[in-house]
PDB file of N, CA and C in Angstrom:
ATOM      1  N   MET A   1       2.512 -81.340 -36.503  1.00  0.00           N
ATOM      2  CA  MET A   1       2.803 -81.638 -34.961  1.00  0.00           C
ATOM      3  C   MET A   1       1.596 -80.743 -34.341  1.00  0.00           C
ATOM      4  N   GLU A   2       0.986 -81.620 -33.477  1.00  0.00           N
ATOM      5  CA  GLU A   2      -0.125 -80.914 -32.775  1.00  0.00           C
ATOM      6  C   GLU A   2       0.187 -80.184 -31.364  1.00  0.00           C
ATOM      7  N   ALA A   3      -0.299 -79.130 -30.982  1.00  0.00           N
ATOM      8  CA  ALA A   3       0.100 -78.482 -29.621  1.00  0.00           C
ATOM      9  C   ALA A   3      -0.504 -79.321 -28.566  1.00  0.00           C
ATOM     10  N   LYS A   4       0.343 -79.114 -27.608  1.00  0.00           N
ATOM     11  CA  LYS A   4      -0.398 -79.876 -26.231  1.00  0.00           C
ATOM     12  C   LYS A   4      -1.347 -79.127 -25.680  1.00  0.00           C
ATOM     13  N   LYS A   5      -2.500 -79.826 -25.307  1.00  0.00           N
ATOM     14  CA  LYS A   5      -3.503 -78.841 -24.633  1.00  0.00           C
ATOM     15  C   LYS A   5      -3.232 -78.853 -23.037  1.00  0.00           C
ATOM     16  N   THR A   6      -3.636 -77.633 -22.690  1.00  0.00           N
ATOM     17  CA  THR A   6      -3.372 -77.282 -21.370  1.00  0.00           C
ATOM     18  C   THR A   6      -4.863 -77.560 -20.745  1.00  0.00           C
ATOM     19  N   THR A   7      -4.898 -78.484 -19.839  1.00  0.00           N
ATOM     20  CA  THR A   7      -6.352 -78.805 -18.988  1.00  0.00           C
ATOM     21  C   THR A   7      -6.395 -78.427 -17.654  1.00  0.00           C
ATOM     22  N   PHE A   8      -7.626 -78.536 -17.190  1.00  0.00           N
ATOM     23  CA  PHE A   8      -7.824 -78.376 -15.436  1.00  0.00           C
ATOM     24  C   PHE A   8      -9.041 -78.820 -15.318  1.00  0.00           C
ATOM     25  N   THR A   9      -9.194 -79.046 -13.904  1.00  0.00           N
ATOM     26  CA  THR A   9     -10.362 -79.866 -13.458  1.00  0.00           C
ATOM     27  C   THR A   9     -11.069 -78.847 -12.405  1.00  0.00           C
ATOM     28  N   VAL A  10     -12.324 -78.667 -12.663  1.00  0.00           N
ATOM     29  CA  VAL A  10     -13.101 -77.737 -11.695  1.00  0.00           C
ATOM     30  C   VAL A  10     -14.207 -79.006 -11.076  1.00  0.00           C
ATOM     31  N   VAL A  11     -14.527 -78.648 -10.025  1.00  0.00           N
ATOM     32  CA  VAL A  11     -15.858 -79.538  -9.435  1.00  0.00           C
ATOM     33  C   VAL A  11     -16.987 -78.496  -9.561  1.00  0.00           C
ATOM     34  N   ASP A  12     -18.022 -78.857 -10.042  1.00  0.00           N
ATOM     35  CA  ASP A  12     -19.225 -78.218 -10.114  1.00  0.00           C
ATOM     36  C   ASP A  12     -20.052 -78.266  -8.718  1.00  0.00           C
ATOM     37  N   ASP A  13     -21.178 -77.503  -8.704  1.00  0.00           N
ATOM     38  CA  ASP A  13     -22.040 -77.693  -7.353  1.00  0.00           C
ATOM     39  C   ASP A  13     -22.652 -78.771  -6.772  1.00  0.00           C
ATOM     40  N   GLU A  14     -22.359 -79.811  -7.804  1.00  0.00           N
ATOM     41  CA  GLU A  14     -23.354 -81.143  -7.392  1.00  0.00           C
ATOM     42  C   GLU A  14     -21.966 -82.128  -7.097  1.00  0.00           C
ATOM     43  N   GLY A  15     -20.554 -81.568  -7.190  1.00  0.00           N
ATOM     44  CA  GLY A  15     -19.673 -82.463  -6.689  1.00  0.00           C
ATOM     45  C   GLY A  15     -19.025 -83.442  -7.976  1.00  0.00           C
ATOM     46  N   LYS A  16     -19.530 -82.880  -9.115  1.00  0.00           N
ATOM     47  CA  LYS A  16     -19.106 -83.561 -10.418  1.00  0.00           C
ATOM     48  C   LYS A  16     -17.645 -82.904 -10.700  1.00  0.00           C
ATOM     49  N   GLU A  17     -16.758 -83.734 -11.345  1.00  0.00           N
ATOM     50  CA  GLU A  17     -15.386 -82.994 -11.810  1.00  0.00           C
ATOM     51  C   GLU A  17     -15.925 -82.896 -13.346  1.00  0.00           C
ATOM     52  N   ILE A  18     -15.169 -81.798 -13.813  1.00  0.00           N
ATOM     53  CA  ILE A  18     -15.310 -81.316 -15.177  1.00  0.00           C
ATOM     54  C   ILE A  18     -14.101 -80.991 -15.677  1.00  0.00           C
ATOM     55  N   VAL A  19     -13.438 -81.402 -16.779  1.00  0.00           N
ATOM     56  CA  VAL A  19     -12.260 -81.151 -17.326  1.00  0.00           C
ATOM     57  C   VAL A  19     -12.421 -79.954 -18.300  1.00  0.00           C
ATOM     58  N   CYS A  20     -11.639 -78.940 -18.308  1.00  0.00           N
ATOM     59  CA  CYS A  20     -11.726 -77.889 -19.068  1.00  0.00           C
ATOM     60  C   CYS A  20     -10.152 -77.710 -19.817  1.00  0.00           C
ATOM     61  N   ASP A  21     -10.436 -77.207 -20.849  1.00  0.00           N
ATOM     62  CA  ASP A  21      -9.303 -76.899 -21.854  1.00  0.00           C
ATOM     63  C   ASP A  21      -9.159 -75.491 -21.710  1.00  0.00           C
ATOM     64  N   VAL A  22      -7.723 -75.008 -21.684  1.00  0.00           N
ATOM     65  CA  VAL A  22      -7.346 -73.735 -21.738  1.00  0.00           C
ATOM     66  C   VAL A  22      -7.314 -73.235 -23.029  1.00  0.00           C
ATOM     67  N   LEU A  23      -8.047 -72.047 -23.202  1.00  0.00           N
ATOM     68  CA  LEU A  23      -7.968 -71.764 -24.627  1.00  0.00           C
ATOM     69  C   LEU A  23      -6.712 -70.681 -24.842  1.00  0.00           C
ATOM     70  N   PHE A  24      -6.759 -69.783 -23.718  1.00  0.00           N
ATOM     71  CA  PHE A  24      -5.582 -68.915 -23.684  1.00  0.00           C
ATOM     72  C   PHE A  24      -5.763 -68.134 -22.292  1.00  0.00           C
ATOM     73  N   THR A  25      -4.568 -67.453 -22.115  1.00  0.00           N
ATOM     74  CA  THR A  25      -4.345 -66.556 -20.767  1.00  0.00           C
ATOM     75  C   THR A  25      -3.957 -65.209 -21.213  1.00  0.00           C
ATOM     76  N   PHE A  26      -4.043 -64.230 -20.580  1.00  0.00           N
ATOM     77  CA  PHE A  26      -3.622 -62.895 -20.753  1.00  0.00           C
ATOM     78  C   PHE A  26      -3.469 -61.889 -19.546  1.00  0.00           C
ATOM     79  N   ASP A  27      -2.771 -60.980 -19.590  1.00  0.00           N
ATOM     80  CA  ASP A  27      -2.814 -59.945 -18.574  1.00  0.00           C
ATOM     81  C   ASP A  27      -3.067 -58.828 -19.199  1.00  0.00           C
ATOM     82  N   SER A  28      -3.912 -58.079 -18.360  1.00  0.00           N
ATOM     83  CA  SER A  28      -4.532 -56.830 -18.684  1.00  0.00           C
ATOM     84  C   SER A  28      -3.791 -55.652 -18.030  1.00  0.00           C
ATOM     85  N   ASP A  29      -3.243 -54.763 -18.902  1.00  0.00           N
ATOM     86  CA  ASP A  29      -2.576 -53.666 -18.301  1.00  0.00           C
ATOM     87  C   ASP A  29      -3.723 -52.574 -17.861  1.00  0.00           C
ATOM     88  N   GLU A  30      -4.633 -52.684 -18.360  1.00  0.00           N
ATOM     89  CA  GLU A  30      -5.979 -51.762 -17.843  1.00  0.00           C
ATOM     90  C   GLU A  30      -6.425 -52.033 -16.735  1.00  0.00           C
ATOM     91  N   THR A  31      -6.415 -53.400 -16.300  1.00  0.00           N
ATOM     92  CA  THR A  31      -6.940 -53.598 -14.908  1.00  0.00           C
ATOM     93  C   THR A  31      -5.832 -54.191 -14.162  1.00  0.00           C
ATOM     94  N   ASN A  32      -4.586 -54.511 -14.663  1.00  0.00           N
ATOM     95  CA  ASN A  32      -3.737 -55.106 -13.754  1.00  0.00           C
ATOM     96  C   ASN A  32      -4.057 -56.624 -13.019  1.00  0.00           C
ATOM     97  N   LYS A  33      -4.758 -57.328 -13.875  1.00  0.00           N
ATOM     98  CA  LYS A  33      -5.115 -58.619 -13.497  1.00  0.00           C
ATOM     99  C   LYS A  33      -4.952 -59.455 -14.672  1.00  0.00           C
ATOM    100  N   SER A  34      -4.733 -60.892 -14.161  1.00  0.00           N
ATOM    101  CA  SER A  34      -4.614 -61.806 -15.067  1.00  0.00           C
ATOM    102  C   SER A  34      -5.959 -62.649 -15.428  1.00  0.00           C
ATOM    103  N   TYR A  35      -6.183 -62.912 -16.474  1.00  0.00           N
ATOM    104  CA  TYR A  35      -7.339 -63.776 -16.969  1.00  0.00           C
ATOM    105  C   TYR A  35      -7.214 -65.114 -17.857  1.00  0.00           C
ATOM    106  N   ILE A  36      -7.911 -66.039 -17.475  1.00  0.00           N
ATOM    107  CA  ILE A  36      -7.970 -67.301 -18.266  1.00  0.00           C
ATOM    108  C   ILE A  36      -9.192 -67.510 -19.053  1.00  0.00           C
ATOM    109  N   VAL A  37      -9.152 -67.999 -20.140  1.00  0.00           N
ATOM    110  CA  VAL A  37     -10.421 -68.205 -21.081  1.00  0.00           C
ATOM    111  C   VAL A  37     -10.443 -69.709 -21.449  1.00  0.00           C
ATOM    112  N   TYR A  38     -11.225 -70.211 -21.197  1.00  0.00           N
ATOM    113  CA  TYR A  38     -11.527 -71.878 -21.070  1.00  0.00           C
ATOM    114  C   TYR A  38     -12.839 -72.562 -21.584  1.00  0.00           C
ATOM    115  N   THR A  39     -12.880 -73.595 -21.921  1.00  0.00           N
ATOM    116  CA  THR A  39     -14.229 -74.259 -22.215  1.00  0.00           C
ATOM    117  C   THR A  39     -14.239 -75.657 -21.841  1.00  0.00           C
ATOM    118  N   ASP A  40     -15.278 -76.233 -21.469  1.00  0.00           N
ATOM    119  CA  ASP A  40     -15.919 -77.608 -21.095  1.00  0.00           C
ATOM    120  C   ASP A  40     -16.073 -78.184 -22.178  1.00  0.00           C
ATOM    121  N   ASN A  41     -16.048 -77.721 -23.454  1.00  0.00           N
ATOM    122  CA  ASN A  41     -16.482 -78.391 -24.585  1.00  0.00           C
ATOM    123  C   ASN A  41     -17.771 -78.783 -24.809  1.00  0.00           C
ATOM    124  N   THR A  42     -18.742 -77.996 -23.737  1.00  0.00           N
ATOM    125  CA  THR A  42     -20.088 -78.331 -24.125  1.00  0.00           C
ATOM    126  C   THR A  42     -20.569 -77.362 -25.243  1.00  0.00           C
ATOM    127  N   LYS A  43     -21.943 -77.572 -25.765  1.00  0.00           N
ATOM    128  CA  LYS A  43     -22.285 -76.711 -26.816  1.00  0.00           C
ATOM    129  C   LYS A  43     -23.525 -75.942 -26.285  1.00  0.00           C
ATOM    130  N   ASP A  44     -23.991 -74.777 -26.785  1.00  0.00           N
ATOM    131  CA  ASP A  44     -25.031 -74.079 -26.473  1.00  0.00           C
ATOM    132  C   ASP A  44     -26.320 -74.627 -27.493  1.00  0.00           C
ATOM    133  N   GLU A  45     -27.410 -73.958 -27.504  1.00  0.00           N
ATOM    134  CA  GLU A  45     -28.487 -74.302 -28.218  1.00  0.00           C
ATOM    135  C   GLU A  45     -28.160 -74.187 -29.620  1.00  0.00           C
ATOM    136  N   ALA A  46     -27.264 -73.288 -30.051  1.00  0.00           N
ATOM    137  CA  ALA A  46     -27.030 -73.080 -31.304  1.00  0.00           C
ATOM    138  C   ALA A  46     -26.057 -73.842 -32.103  1.00  0.00           C
ATOM    139  N   GLY A  47     -25.326 -74.793 -30.989  1.00  0.00           N
ATOM    140  CA  GLY A  47     -24.283 -75.604 -31.383  1.00  0.00           C
ATOM    141  C   GLY A  47     -22.939 -75.097 -31.318  1.00  0.00           C
ATOM    142  N   ASN A  48     -22.939 -73.838 -30.703  1.00  0.00           N
ATOM    143  CA  ASN A  48     -21.441 -73.439 -30.466  1.00  0.00           C
ATOM    144  C   ASN A  48     -20.898 -73.700 -29.372  1.00  0.00           C
ATOM    145  N   THR A  49     -19.514 -73.903 -29.204  1.00  0.00           N
ATOM    146  CA  THR A  49     -18.748 -74.355 -28.044  1.00  0.00           C
ATOM    147  C   THR A  49     -18.754 -73.259 -27.095  1.00  0.00           C
ATOM    148  N   LYS A  50     -19.206 -73.560 -26.009  1.00  0.00           N
ATOM    149  CA  LYS A  50     -19.228 -72.847 -24.829  1.00  0.00           C
ATOM    150  C   LYS A  50     -17.840 -72.413 -24.181  1.00  0.00           C
ATOM    151  N   VAL A  51     -17.682 -70.941 -23.952  1.00  0.00           N
ATOM    152  CA  VAL A  51     -16.525 -70.445 -23.670  1.00  0.00           C
ATOM    153  C   VAL A  51     -16.692 -69.474 -22.279  1.00  0.00           C
ATOM    154  N   TYR A  52     -15.691 -69.676 -21.424  1.00  0.00           N
ATOM    155  CA  TYR A  52     -15.727 -69.057 -20.044  1.00  0.00           C
ATOM    156  C   TYR A  52     -14.441 -68.356 -19.841  1.00  0.00           C
ATOM    157  N   ALA A  53     -14.631 -67.297 -18.931  1.00  0.00           N
ATOM    158  CA  ALA A  53     -13.489 -66.491 -18.511  1.00  0.00           C
ATOM    159  C   ALA A  53     -13.611 -66.237 -17.123  1.00  0.00           C
ATOM    160  N   SER A  54     -12.423 -66.254 -16.645  1.00  0.00           N
ATOM    161  CA  SER A  54     -12.202 -65.925 -15.097  1.00  0.00           C
ATOM    162  C   SER A  54     -10.839 -65.130 -14.840  1.00  0.00           C
ATOM    163  N   ILE A  55     -10.846 -64.618 -13.670  1.00  0.00           N
ATOM    164  CA  ILE A  55      -9.485 -63.966 -13.099  1.00  0.00           C
ATOM    165  C   ILE A  55      -8.998 -64.981 -12.381  1.00  0.00           C
ATOM    166  N   TYR A  56      -7.497 -64.998 -12.560  1.00  0.00           N
ATOM    167  CA  TYR A  56      -6.782 -66.203 -11.814  1.00  0.00           C
ATOM    168  C   TYR A  56      -5.464 -65.460 -11.426  1.00  0.00           C
ATOM    169  N   ASP A  57      -4.822 -65.956 -10.464  1.00  0.00           N
ATOM    170  CA  ASP A  57      -3.430 -65.724 -10.172  1.00  0.00           C
ATOM    171  C   ASP A  57      -2.306 -66.588 -10.754  1.00  0.00           C
ATOM    172  N   PRO A  58      -1.679 -66.194 -11.900  1.00  0.00           N
ATOM    173  CA  PRO A  58      -0.841 -67.220 -12.518  1.00  0.00           C
ATOM    174  C   PRO A  58       0.350 -67.619 -11.590  1.00  0.00           C
ATOM    175  N   LYS A  59       0.835 -66.837 -10.597  1.00  0.00           N
ATOM    176  CA  LYS A  59       1.893 -67.253  -9.801  1.00  0.00           C
ATOM    177  C   LYS A  59       1.602 -68.321  -8.870  1.00  0.00           C
ATOM    178  N   VAL A  60       0.326 -68.705  -8.601  1.00  0.00           N
ATOM    179  CA  VAL A  60      -0.112 -69.672  -7.632  1.00  0.00           C
ATOM    180  C   VAL A  60      -0.047 -71.050  -8.358  1.00  0.00           C
ATOM    181  N   SER A  61       0.348 -72.089  -7.709  1.00  0.00           N
ATOM    182  CA  SER A  61       0.431 -73.391  -8.377  1.00  0.00           C
ATOM    183  C   SER A  61      -0.987 -73.944  -8.672  1.00  0.00           C
ATOM    184  N   ASN A  62      -1.859 -73.759  -7.873  1.00  0.00           N
ATOM    185  CA  ASN A  62      -3.235 -74.214  -8.279  1.00  0.00           C
ATOM    186  C   ASN A  62      -4.230 -73.150  -7.744  1.00  0.00           C
ATOM    187  N   PRO A  63      -4.591 -72.089  -8.894  1.00  0.00           N
ATOM    188  CA  PRO A  63      -5.088 -70.884  -8.669  1.00  0.00           C
ATOM    189  C   PRO A  63      -6.569 -70.949  -8.699  1.00  0.00           C
ATOM    190  N   LYS A  64      -7.149 -70.236  -7.643  1.00  0.00           N
ATOM    191  CA  LYS A  64      -8.591 -70.316  -7.657  1.00  0.00           C
ATOM    192  C   LYS A  64      -9.163 -69.211  -8.744  1.00  0.00           C
ATOM    193  N   LEU A  65     -10.185 -69.843  -9.264  1.00  0.00           N
ATOM    194  CA  LEU A  65     -10.695 -69.037 -10.436  1.00  0.00           C
ATOM    195  C   LEU A  65     -11.802 -67.872  -9.718  1.00  0.00           C
ATOM    196  N   GLU A  66     -11.790 -66.693 -10.259  1.00  0.00           N
ATOM    197  CA  GLU A  66     -12.488 -65.602  -9.737  1.00  0.00           C
ATOM    198  C   GLU A  66     -13.436 -65.261 -10.559  1.00  0.00           C
ATOM    199  N   GLU A  67     -14.494 -64.930 -10.275  1.00  0.00           N
ATOM    200  CA  GLU A  67     -15.732 -64.266 -11.009  1.00  0.00           C
ATOM    201  C   GLU A  67     -15.283 -63.136 -11.778  1.00  0.00           C
ATOM    202  N   ILE A  68     -15.523 -62.730 -12.962  1.00  0.00           N
ATOM    203  CA  ILE A  68     -15.286 -61.355 -13.419  1.00  0.00           C
ATOM    204  C   ILE A  68     -16.782 -60.691 -13.264  1.00  0.00           C
ATOM    205  N   THR A  69     -16.738 -59.367 -12.541  1.00  0.00           N
ATOM    206  CA  THR A  69     -17.827 -58.960 -12.337  1.00  0.00           C
ATOM    207  C   THR A  69     -18.199 -57.398 -12.823  1.00  0.00           C
ATOM    208  N   THR A  70     -17.372 -56.934 -13.638  1.00  0.00           N
ATOM    209  CA  THR A  70     -17.489 -55.686 -14.088  1.00  0.00           C
ATOM    210  C   THR A  70     -17.506 -55.734 -15.845  1.00  0.00           C
ATOM    211  N   ASP A  71     -18.403 -54.861 -16.362  1.00  0.00           N
ATOM    212  CA  ASP A  71     -18.813 -54.653 -17.605  1.00  0.00           C
ATOM    213  C   ASP A  71     -17.462 -54.373 -18.371  1.00  0.00           C
ATOM    214  N   LYS A  72     -16.580 -53.529 -17.724  1.00  0.00           N
ATOM    215  CA  LYS A  72     -15.329 -53.139 -18.386  1.00  0.00           C
ATOM    216  C   LYS A  72     -14.243 -54.268 -18.686  1.00  0.00           C
ATOM    217  N   GLU A  73     -14.386 -55.485 -17.769  1.00  0.00           N
ATOM    218  CA  GLU A  73     -13.589 -56.526 -17.647  1.00  0.00           C
ATOM    219  C   GLU A  73     -14.186 -57.404 -18.881  1.00  0.00           C
ATOM    220  N   TRP A  74     -15.437 -57.584 -18.727  1.00  0.00           N
ATOM    221  CA  TRP A  74     -16.119 -58.401 -20.034  1.00  0.00           C
ATOM    222  C   TRP A  74     -15.646 -57.727 -21.337  1.00  0.00           C
ATOM    223  N   LYS A  75     -15.782 -56.355 -21.234  1.00  0.00           N
ATOM    224  CA  LYS A  75     -15.530 -55.764 -22.811  1.00  0.00           C
ATOM    225  C   LYS A  75     -13.986 -56.071 -23.266  1.00  0.00           C
ATOM    226  N   ILE A  76     -13.061 -56.085 -22.304  1.00  0.00           N
ATOM    227  CA  ILE A  76     -11.671 -56.361 -22.525  1.00  0.00           C
ATOM    228  C   ILE A  76     -11.674 -57.776 -23.159  1.00  0.00           C
ATOM    229  N   ILE A  77     -12.313 -58.862 -22.434  1.00  0.00           N
ATOM    230  CA  ILE A  77     -12.283 -60.356 -23.084  1.00  0.00           C
ATOM    231  C   ILE A  77     -13.031 -60.113 -24.316  1.00  0.00           C
ATOM    232  N   GLU A  78     -14.162 -59.605 -24.402  1.00  0.00           N
ATOM    233  CA  GLU A  78     -15.035 -59.753 -25.711  1.00  0.00           C
ATOM    234  C   GLU A  78     -14.226 -59.112 -26.630  1.00  0.00           C
ATOM    235  N   ASN A  79     -13.573 -58.105 -26.761  1.00  0.00           N
ATOM    236  CA  ASN A  79     -12.696 -57.514 -27.556  1.00  0.00           C
ATOM    237  C   ASN A  79     -11.581 -58.611 -28.145  1.00  0.00           C
ATOM    238  N   ILE A  80     -10.786 -59.206 -27.138  1.00  0.00           N
ATOM    239  CA  ILE A  80      -9.810 -60.127 -27.410  1.00  0.00           C
ATOM    240  C   ILE A  80     -10.428 -61.249 -28.353  1.00  0.00           C
ATOM    241  N   LEU A  81     -11.568 -61.936 -27.819  1.00  0.00           N
ATOM    242  CA  LEU A  81     -12.376 -62.933 -28.363  1.00  0.00           C
ATOM    243  C   LEU A  81     -12.707 -62.340 -29.761  1.00  0.00           C
ATOM    244  N   SER A  82     -12.873 -61.422 -30.111  1.00  0.00           N
ATOM    245  CA  SER A  82     -13.451 -60.944 -31.459  1.00  0.00           C
ATOM    246  C   SER A  82     -12.190 -60.988 -32.476  1.00  0.00           C
ATOM    247  N   THR A  83     -11.198 -60.369 -31.911  1.00  0.00           N
ATOM    248  CA  THR A  83      -9.842 -60.306 -32.515  1.00  0.00           C
ATOM    249  C   THR A  83      -9.531 -61.640 -33.022  1.00  0.00           C
ATOM    250  N   LEU A  84      -9.341 -62.682 -32.238  1.00  0.00           N
ATOM    251  CA  LEU A  84      -9.059 -63.952 -32.124  1.00  0.00           C
ATOM    252  C   LEU A  84      -9.924 -64.718 -33.129  1.00  0.00           C
ATOM    253  N   GLN A  85     -11.185 -64.268 -33.196  1.00  0.00           N
ATOM    254  CA  GLN A  85     -12.124 -64.950 -34.169  1.00  0.00           C
ATOM    255  C   GLN A  85     -11.673 -64.519 -35.548  1.00  0.00           C
ATOM    256  N   GLU A  86     -11.569 -63.228 -35.730  1.00  0.00           N
ATOM    257  CA  GLU A  86     -11.288 -62.615 -36.972  1.00  0.00           C
ATOM    258  C   GLU A  86     -10.021 -62.995 -37.641  1.00  0.00           C
ATOM    259  N   GLU A  87      -8.861 -63.356 -36.718  1.00  0.00           N
ATOM    260  CA  GLU A  87      -7.685 -63.902 -37.106  1.00  0.00           C
ATOM    261  C   GLU A  87      -7.727 -65.310 -37.684  1.00  0.00           C
ATOM    262  N   VAL A  88      -8.615 -66.124 -37.054  1.00  0.00           N
ATOM    263  CA  VAL A  88      -8.878 -67.439 -37.366  1.00  0.00           C
ATOM    264  C   VAL A  88      -9.414 -67.507 -38.722  1.00  0.00           C
ATOM    265  N   LYS A  89     -10.529 -66.785 -38.880  1.00  0.00           N
ATOM    266  CA  LYS A  89     -11.397 -66.704 -39.913  1.00  0.00           C
ATOM    267  C   LYS A  89     -10.520 -66.202 -41.128  1.00  0.00           C
ATOM    268  N   ASN A  90      -9.586 -65.106 -41.105  1.00  0.00           N
ATOM    269  CA  ASN A  90      -8.861 -64.705 -42.050  1.00  0.00           C
ATOM    270  C   ASN A  90      -7.942 -65.927 -42.550  1.00  0.00           C
ATOM    271  N   GLN A  91      -7.433 -66.643 -41.515  1.00  0.00           N
ATOM    272  CA  GLN A  91      -6.436 -67.570 -41.821  1.00  0.00           C
ATOM    273  C   GLN A  91      -6.909 -68.800 -42.718  1.00  0.00           C
ATOM    274  N   SER A  92      -8.404 -69.270 -42.198  1.00  0.00           N
ATOM    275  CA  SER A  92      -8.903 -70.198 -42.894  1.00  0.00           C
ATOM    276  C   SER A  92      -9.300 -69.805 -44.405  1.00  0.00           C
ATOM    277  N   GLU A  93      -9.464 -68.308 -44.740  1.00  0.00           N
ATOM    278  CA  GLU A  93      -9.574 -68.176 -46.007  1.00  0.00           C
ATOM    279  C   GLU A  93      -8.375 -68.111 -47.067  1.00  0.00           C
ATOM    280  N   GLN A  94      -7.308 -68.163 -46.205  1.00  0.00           N
ATOM    281  CA  GLN A  94      -6.261 -68.275 -47.218  1.00  0.00           C
ATOM    282  C   GLN A  94      -5.918 -69.469 -47.809  1.00  0.00           C
TER     283      GLN A  94
END
């Protein structure tokens, strides 16, 4: 059984609609904020899927994505991504 993907649409600076897949969301006790990690499924120069993160309010039906501006917040997100990547790697090796 395949899990249902959650998507949302953003409009870029040129007015083009871009569909993004939500990878995961989480709340940080450290910052008292909610974060969304997502991708537009584009690739970087090395062929890796580009991943983005933003602050959002999960209590709002159509939340506005807010830019992450502190190194502390980026470090929290990077640590979670690293942990998840390690878990996926370990599962694929089993």
